[in-house]
Amino acid sequence: MISLNNISVQFAGTPLFDDISFIINRRDRIGLVGRNGAGKTTLMRIISGQMEATTGQVASPSGSSIGYLPQEMHFTSQHTVINEALKAF
């Protein structure tokens, strides 16, 4: 279970979202949908621990891990995309 409690995020004094709270249970499957700039990526970064909210807290069970695949990847490899994909096999 992941719990977000009273999360608020502001950029340069402008609120992106304010005082949101929700729980994600173990078997929940969630779709995060919204217009560009609504805060979807920011929210995912907060849940994954890559970013801190202006106020509020995120709680998850000790020993748990949260996976997050960003929408924009930064590669340091000189391989082609197909060669990188083939490395999985």
Protein backbone atom coordinates (compact mmCIF):
# COMPACT_ATOMS: atom_id res chain seq x y z
CA MET A 1 0.00 0.00 0.00
CA ILE A 2 1.24 3.46 -0.91
CA SER A 3 -0.32 6.40 0.88
CA LEU A 4 -0.11 10.03 -0.21
CA ASN A 5 -1.16 12.46 2.50
CA ASN A 6 -1.91 16.14 1.92
CA ILE A 7 0.46 16.46 -1.06
CA SER A 8 0.89 19.95 -2.48
CA VAL A 9 3.30 21.04 -5.20
CA GLN A 10 4.12 24.60 -6.19
CA PHE A 11 6.45 25.91 -8.86
CA ALA A 12 7.53 29.54 -8.43
CA GLY A 13 4.63 30.08 -6.04
CA THR A 14 2.04 28.73 -8.49
CA PRO A 15 0.21 25.62 -7.23
CA LEU A 16 0.23 22.57 -9.51
CA PHE A 17 -1.93 20.58 -7.08
CA ASP A 18 -2.95 21.29 -3.54
CA ASP A 19 -3.68 19.06 -0.55
CA ILE A 20 -4.36 15.76 -2.36
CA SER A 21 -4.54 12.45 -0.51
CA PHE A 22 -5.14 8.91 -1.74
CA ILE A 23 -4.13 5.30 -1.17
CA ILE A 24 -2.89 2.79 -3.73
CA ASN A 25 -3.53 -0.74 -2.49
CA ARG A 26 -1.37 -3.72 -3.38
CA ARG A 27 -3.52 -5.09 -6.20
CA ASP A 28 -4.79 -1.76 -7.57
CA ARG A 29 -4.25 -0.98 -11.23
CA ILE A 30 -4.34 2.72 -11.99
CA GLY A 31 -4.42 4.83 -15.14
CA LEU A 32 -3.13 8.38 -14.77
CA VAL A 33 -4.76 10.62 -17.37
CA GLY A 34 -4.79 14.40 -17.80
CA ARG A 35 -3.91 17.29 -20.05
CA ASN A 36 -0.33 18.39 -20.65
CA GLY A 37 1.01 20.26 -17.65
CA ALA A 38 -1.53 18.81 -15.23
CA GLY A 39 1.19 17.21 -13.07
CA LYS A 40 1.09 13.52 -14.08
CA THR A 41 4.88 13.19 -14.36
CA THR A 42 5.41 15.28 -11.23
CA LEU A 43 3.06 13.02 -9.29
CA MET A 44 4.87 9.89 -10.53
CA ARG A 45 8.23 11.39 -9.56
CA ILE A 46 6.89 12.12 -6.06
CA ILE A 47 5.49 8.59 -5.65
CA SER A 48 8.76 7.05 -6.85
CA GLY A 49 10.86 9.22 -4.53
CA GLN A 50 12.65 11.09 -7.32
CA MET A 51 11.11 14.37 -6.23
CA GLU A 52 9.72 15.79 -3.01
CA ALA A 53 6.39 17.54 -2.69
CA THR A 54 6.24 21.10 -1.40
CA THR A 55 4.13 19.80 1.50
CA GLY A 56 2.73 16.43 2.55
CA GLN A 57 4.22 12.96 2.66
CA VAL A 58 4.34 9.64 0.83
CA ALA A 59 4.35 6.45 2.89
CA SER A 60 5.01 2.91 1.69
CA PRO A 61 5.82 -0.34 3.50
CA SER A 62 9.46 -0.85 4.38
CA GLY A 63 11.17 -3.23 1.99
CA SER A 64 8.83 -2.35 -0.86
CA SER A 65 10.06 -0.96 -4.15
CA ILE A 66 8.38 1.29 -6.69
CA GLY A 67 9.24 0.97 -10.36
CA TYR A 68 8.97 3.98 -12.62
CA LEU A 69 9.79 4.17 -16.32
CA PRO A 70 10.09 7.83 -17.33
CA GLN A 71 8.50 9.02 -20.55
CA GLU A 72 11.80 10.50 -21.71
CA MET A 73 14.87 8.30 -21.50
CA HIS A 74 18.47 9.53 -21.42
CA PHE A 75 20.97 7.13 -22.93
CA THR A 76 24.71 7.12 -22.44
CA SER A 77 25.30 4.12 -24.69
CA GLN A 78 26.55 4.46 -28.25
CA HIS A 79 24.50 1.45 -29.40
CA THR A 80 21.51 1.69 -31.70
CA VAL A 81 18.02 1.32 -30.25
CA ILE A 82 17.63 -2.15 -31.79
CA ASN A 83 20.97 -3.30 -30.33
CA GLU A 84 19.95 -2.02 -26.89
CA ALA A 85 16.62 -3.85 -27.17
CA LEU A 86 18.35 -7.07 -28.25
CA LYS A 87 20.52 -6.99 -25.10
CA ALA A 88 17.45 -8.18 -23.19
CA PHE A 89 17.74 -11.54 -24.94
